């Protein structure tokens, strides 16, 4: 039986075929980077699977053959600041919690570039299958952002503290075979076979007990669900990053295809500290006589 139904969206493609929900970020012109509207549609599509208990699992992927997702769209993120940060950050958290809260397995089918927030999206999924040309990594330190909505929570548990810190601090990337070896993903296949291999892989869910999958997913998530406080803290940390001089330098440099100059911020901060210390030495922290 080959039943299929689709739903119209503007930023994603959504189709249910043979009891599998296929959710595709459809922005190949920006390597499937997502903006607020994309996140809203992803949340809506994935939540809609709850209305059809015959769906055995969901697959999240990216359109085209160059990228799963390059993460957040810098043209959208450049508009963010501490005041409006919640409008972005809560969408990210909402998508993560939607994926983790679904009673069905969610599989990331990774084709090509899987970086930054796109990599966090893959981390939220239950299983990851990738093409042999896939590249996984966190690029926040290169662009002045913080991967605190999943990467800092989950990477140490998947690949260990040392590799997690190397990925986040030094922006180390891993290709498909390496990613399997360190436990970052489950499986890698030749690029030309990715869709077929994924279809064969997820077809197995149809023969398994849906209530067992639902209950064991809840149980498997139990310990990491206790990291919710870290997510909340991470969003607040990120709120103070958006709109900062360093974040704007990082994103502008990326869009202008140049190297960012973060050293100037270190030097500026050095001057601030020196001024403060000089003030201490000169008793500038003493209230004036009339104020005492």
Protein backbone atom coordinates (compact mmCIF):
# COMPACT_ATOMS: atom_id res chain seq x y z
CA UNK A 1 0.00 0.00 0.00
CA UNK A 2 1.46 3.35 -1.04
CA UNK A 3 -0.69 6.02 0.56
CA UNK A 4 0.54 9.60 0.49
CA UNK A 5 -0.76 12.97 1.62
CA UNK A 6 0.86 16.36 1.63
CA UNK A 7 0.30 19.71 3.30
CA UNK A 8 1.13 23.15 1.88
CA UNK A 9 3.85 25.21 3.55
CA UNK A 10 6.04 28.06 2.35
CA UNK A 11 9.44 27.21 3.87
CA UNK A 12 9.25 23.43 4.22
CA UNK A 13 7.86 20.41 2.40
CA UNK A 14 5.66 17.97 4.29
CA UNK A 15 4.47 14.58 3.15
CA UNK A 16 3.17 11.43 4.82
CA UNK A 17 3.97 8.34 2.78
CA UNK A 18 3.62 4.74 3.93
CA UNK A 19 3.11 5.84 7.54
CA UNK A 20 6.30 7.94 7.55
CA UNK A 21 6.15 11.74 7.89
CA UNK A 22 8.79 13.45 5.74
CA UNK A 23 9.64 17.01 6.81
CA UNK A 24 12.06 18.86 4.51
CA UNK A 25 13.53 22.31 5.02
CA UNK A 26 13.07 23.81 1.57
CA UNK A 27 15.50 26.73 1.44
CA UNK A 28 18.36 25.33 -0.68
CA UNK A 29 19.38 28.82 -1.84
CA UNK A 30 20.70 29.48 1.70
CA UNK A 31 21.80 25.90 2.43
CA UNK A 32 18.52 25.30 4.22
CA UNK A 33 19.28 27.88 6.89
CA UNK A 34 16.16 28.58 8.90
CA UNK A 35 14.47 31.79 9.96
CA UNK A 36 11.52 32.35 12.31
CA UNK A 37 8.93 31.35 9.70
CA UNK A 38 10.82 28.12 8.99
CA UNK A 39 10.92 27.20 12.66
CA UNK A 40 7.18 27.88 12.99
CA UNK A 41 6.41 25.59 10.07
CA UNK A 42 8.69 22.82 11.35
CA UNK A 43 6.96 22.94 14.73
CA UNK A 44 3.52 22.90 13.15
CA UNK A 45 4.28 20.02 10.76
CA UNK A 46 5.89 17.81 13.38
CA UNK A 47 3.15 18.46 15.93
CA UNK A 48 0.54 17.56 13.33
CA UNK A 49 1.81 13.97 13.35
CA UNK A 50 0.02 13.60 16.70
CA UNK A 51 -3.29 13.79 14.81
CA UNK A 52 -2.52 10.58 12.92
CA UNK A 53 -1.51 7.70 15.21
CA UNK A 54 -0.90 5.49 12.16
CA UNK A 55 2.34 7.43 11.50
CA UNK A 56 5.21 5.26 12.68
CA UNK A 57 8.04 7.83 12.62
CA UNK A 58 9.14 11.18 11.20
CA UNK A 59 12.16 12.03 9.06
CA UNK A 60 13.66 15.52 9.03
CA UNK A 61 15.94 16.49 6.14
CA UNK A 62 17.05 19.34 3.89
CA UNK A 63 16.20 20.08 0.29
CA UNK A 64 18.82 19.49 -2.39
CA UNK A 65 22.09 17.62 -2.02
CA UNK A 66 24.37 20.28 -0.51
CA UNK A 67 23.01 20.77 2.99
CA UNK A 68 20.82 19.35 5.71
CA UNK A 69 20.88 22.79 7.31
CA UNK A 70 23.54 25.45 7.79
CA UNK A 71 21.71 26.62 10.92
CA UNK A 72 20.13 29.98 11.59
CA UNK A 73 19.79 32.43 8.72
CA UNK A 74 22.13 35.33 9.51
CA UNK A 75 19.85 37.82 7.78
CA UNK A 76 17.21 36.89 10.35
CA UNK A 77 19.57 36.67 13.32
CA UNK A 78 21.15 40.07 12.62
CA UNK A 79 17.80 41.60 13.64
CA UNK A 80 17.96 40.04 17.10
CA UNK A 81 18.97 41.73 20.33
CA UNK A 82 18.51 41.24 24.06
CA UNK A 83 15.01 42.76 23.95
CA UNK A 84 13.52 40.59 21.19
CA UNK A 85 15.73 37.49 21.67
CA UNK A 86 12.90 35.39 23.11
CA UNK A 87 11.10 35.49 19.76
CA UNK A 88 13.92 33.45 18.24
CA UNK A 89 15.18 31.46 21.21
CA UNK A 90 11.76 30.19 22.24
CA UNK A 91 11.11 28.97 18.71
CA UNK A 92 14.35 26.98 18.86
CA UNK A 93 13.37 25.53 22.22
CA UNK A 94 9.85 24.90 20.94
CA UNK A 95 11.14 22.86 17.99
CA UNK A 96 13.52 20.91 20.22
CA UNK A 97 10.80 20.09 22.72
CA UNK A 98 8.38 19.18 19.92
CA UNK A 99 10.84 16.63 18.53
CA UNK A 100 11.69 15.22 21.93
CA UNK A 101 8.05 15.16 23.01
CA UNK A 102 6.62 13.32 20.01
CA UNK A 103 5.56 9.74 20.81
CA UNK A 104 7.28 8.49 17.64
CA UNK A 105 10.97 8.30 16.72
CA UNK A 106 12.29 11.28 14.77
CA UNK A 107 15.15 10.56 12.36
CA UNK A 108 17.51 13.14 10.88
CA UNK A 109 18.46 12.27 7.29
CA UNK A 110 21.58 14.36 6.79
CA UNK A 111 22.69 15.28 3.31
CA UNK A 112 25.83 17.41 3.16
CA UNK A 113 26.36 20.43 5.42
CA UNK A 114 25.01 20.04 8.98
CA UNK A 115 26.38 22.93 10.99
CA UNK A 116 25.59 25.26 13.88
CA UNK A 117 21.87 25.36 14.62
CA UNK A 118 21.37 22.77 11.89
CA UNK A 119 23.60 20.43 13.83
CA UNK A 120 21.62 21.15 16.98
CA UNK A 121 18.48 20.20 15.03
CA UNK A 122 20.09 16.82 14.26
CA UNK A 123 21.06 16.46 17.93
CA UNK A 124 17.42 16.85 18.98
CA UNK A 125 16.41 13.92 16.76
CA UNK A 126 16.40 10.35 18.08
CA UNK A 127 18.51 8.82 15.30
CA UNK A 128 20.75 10.18 12.54
CA UNK A 129 21.57 8.62 9.17
CA UNK A 130 23.89 10.53 6.83
CA UNK A 131 25.49 10.50 3.42
CA UNK A 132 29.22 9.92 3.21
CA UNK A 133 29.77 13.57 2.25
CA UNK A 134 27.95 14.91 5.34
CA UNK A 135 29.87 17.30 7.59
CA UNK A 136 28.88 17.89 11.21
CA UNK A 137 30.02 20.69 13.48
CA UNK A 138 29.44 23.78 15.59
CA UNK A 139 30.56 27.12 14.19
CA UNK A 140 29.39 29.49 16.91
CA UNK A 141 32.88 30.60 17.92
CA UNK A 142 33.56 31.64 14.33
CA UNK A 143 30.47 33.79 14.01
CA UNK A 144 29.99 35.14 17.53
CA UNK A 145 27.06 32.91 18.55
CA UNK A 146 26.61 30.33 21.32
CA UNK A 147 25.36 26.76 20.72
CA UNK A 148 23.54 26.64 24.06
CA UNK A 149 20.22 25.28 22.77
CA UNK A 150 21.27 21.65 22.50
CA UNK A 151 24.95 21.36 21.65
CA UNK A 152 26.34 22.22 25.09
CA UNK A 153 23.79 19.88 26.67
CA UNK A 154 23.95 16.84 24.39
CA UNK A 155 27.38 16.75 22.77
CA UNK A 156 29.26 15.82 25.98
CA UNK A 157 26.83 12.91 26.48
CA UNK A 158 27.24 11.64 22.94
CA UNK A 159 30.94 12.09 22.22
CA UNK A 160 32.49 12.87 25.62
CA UNK A 161 33.61 16.10 27.22
CA UNK A 162 36.94 16.45 25.41
CA UNK A 163 35.64 16.07 21.87
CA UNK A 164 32.57 18.18 22.70
CA UNK A 165 34.78 21.03 23.89
CA UNK A 166 36.97 20.70 20.81
CA UNK A 167 33.91 20.84 18.56
CA UNK A 168 32.50 23.89 20.33
CA UNK A 169 35.67 25.83 21.23
CA UNK A 170 37.68 25.11 18.05
CA UNK A 171 34.81 24.48 15.62
CA UNK A 172 36.14 21.02 14.78
CA UNK A 173 34.06 19.22 12.18
CA UNK A 174 33.51 15.53 11.48
CA UNK A 175 32.63 13.82 8.21
CA UNK A 176 30.20 10.94 8.01
CA UNK A 177 32.46 7.98 8.80
CA UNK A 178 34.23 9.88 11.59
CA UNK A 179 30.88 10.92 13.04
CA UNK A 180 29.79 7.29 13.28
CA UNK A 181 33.09 6.31 14.89
CA UNK A 182 32.80 8.85 17.72
CA UNK A 183 29.12 8.09 18.34
CA UNK A 184 27.78 11.39 16.98
CA UNK A 185 25.50 9.68 14.44
CA UNK A 186 24.16 6.18 13.88
CA UNK A 187 24.85 5.30 10.27
CA UNK A 188 26.50 6.53 7.08
CA UNK A 189 25.76 5.41 3.51
CA UNK A 190 26.88 6.47 0.02
CA UNK A 191 25.30 9.74 -1.03
CA UNK A 192 23.39 8.22 -3.94
CA UNK A 193 21.80 5.66 -1.61
CA UNK A 194 20.77 7.96 1.23
CA UNK A 195 17.04 8.23 0.49
CA UNK A 196 16.61 4.53 -0.26
CA UNK A 197 18.63 3.51 2.78
CA UNK A 198 16.59 5.82 4.98
CA UNK A 199 13.31 4.46 3.62
CA UNK A 200 14.45 0.89 4.29
CA UNK A 201 15.70 1.85 7.77
CA UNK A 202 12.58 3.66 8.95
CA UNK A 203 10.29 1.01 7.43
CA UNK A 204 11.31 -1.19 10.34
CA UNK A 205 9.34 1.02 12.73
CA UNK A 206 6.07 -0.12 11.12
CA UNK A 207 6.65 -3.64 12.42
CA UNK A 208 7.39 -2.50 15.98
CA UNK A 209 5.07 -1.78 18.89
CA UNK A 210 4.03 1.89 18.86
CA UNK A 211 3.28 1.91 22.59
CA UNK A 212 6.71 0.43 23.34
CA UNK A 213 8.42 3.06 21.18
CA UNK A 214 6.42 5.80 22.87
CA UNK A 215 7.09 4.66 26.42
CA UNK A 216 10.75 3.82 25.90
CA UNK A 217 11.39 7.18 24.20
CA UNK A 218 10.04 8.86 27.34
CA UNK A 219 12.26 6.69 29.50
CA UNK A 220 15.34 7.28 27.36
CA UNK A 221 14.71 11.04 27.54
CA UNK A 222 14.28 11.07 31.31
CA UNK A 223 17.81 11.98 32.36
CA UNK A 224 18.41 14.55 29.63
CA UNK A 225 14.95 16.06 30.27
CA UNK A 226 16.42 17.16 33.58
CA UNK A 227 18.68 19.47 31.57
CA UNK A 228 15.72 21.77 30.93
CA UNK A 229 17.15 24.30 33.39
CA UNK A 230 20.33 24.36 31.30
CA UNK A 231 18.25 25.12 28.20
CA UNK A 232 16.62 28.05 30.00
CA UNK A 233 19.99 29.37 31.12
CA UNK A 234 21.40 28.81 27.64
CA UNK A 235 18.62 30.87 26.05
CA UNK A 236 19.31 33.75 28.42
CA UNK A 237 23.04 33.57 27.68
CA UNK A 238 22.20 33.61 23.99
CA UNK A 239 19.86 36.57 24.48
CA UNK A 240 22.83 38.65 25.63
CA UNK A 241 24.84 37.55 22.57
CA UNK A 242 22.28 38.63 19.97
CA UNK A 243 22.90 42.15 18.77
CA UNK A 244 26.28 42.42 20.48
CA UNK A 245 29.22 43.95 18.64
CA UNK A 246 30.99 40.60 18.48
CA UNK A 247 27.95 38.77 17.14
CA UNK A 248 27.41 41.41 14.47
CA UNK A 249 31.08 41.27 13.48
CA UNK A 250 30.92 37.49 13.17
CA UNK A 251 27.76 37.41 11.08
CA UNK A 252 28.74 40.35 8.88
CA UNK A 253 32.15 38.79 8.25
CA UNK A 254 30.51 35.54 7.19
CA UNK A 255 28.11 37.29 4.83
CA UNK A 256 30.93 39.44 3.43
CA UNK A 257 33.16 36.36 2.98
CA UNK A 258 35.98 37.72 5.12
CA UNK A 259 37.68 36.70 8.35
CA UNK A 260 36.13 38.23 11.46
CA UNK A 261 38.26 40.49 13.65
CA UNK A 262 37.45 39.42 17.19
CA UNK A 263 40.81 40.56 18.57
CA UNK A 264 39.69 44.18 18.58
CA UNK A 265 37.07 43.29 21.18
CA UNK A 266 39.69 41.67 23.40
CA UNK A 267 41.80 44.81 23.15
CA UNK A 268 38.80 47.03 23.88
CA UNK A 269 37.97 44.93 26.93
CA UNK A 270 41.60 45.11 28.05
CA UNK A 271 41.40 48.91 27.98
CA UNK A 272 38.20 48.82 30.04
CA UNK A 273 39.83 46.62 32.69
CA UNK A 274 42.96 48.76 32.76
CA UNK A 275 40.88 51.87 33.32
CA UNK A 276 39.03 50.13 36.13
CA UNK A 277 42.25 48.97 37.81
CA UNK A 278 43.78 52.43 37.47
CA UNK A 279 40.71 53.80 39.19
CA UNK A 280 41.19 51.38 42.08
CA UNK A 281 44.80 52.48 42.45
CA UNK A 282 43.68 56.12 42.56
CA UNK A 283 40.84 55.54 45.03
CA UNK A 284 38.24 56.45 42.43
CA UNK A 285 35.90 53.99 44.14
CA UNK A 286 35.79 56.22 47.23
CA UNK A 287 32.68 58.33 47.65
CA UNK A 288 33.36 62.10 47.54
CA UNK A 289 33.32 63.91 50.91
CA UNK A 290 29.87 65.44 50.43
CA UNK A 291 28.37 62.00 49.79
CA UNK A 292 29.74 60.50 53.00
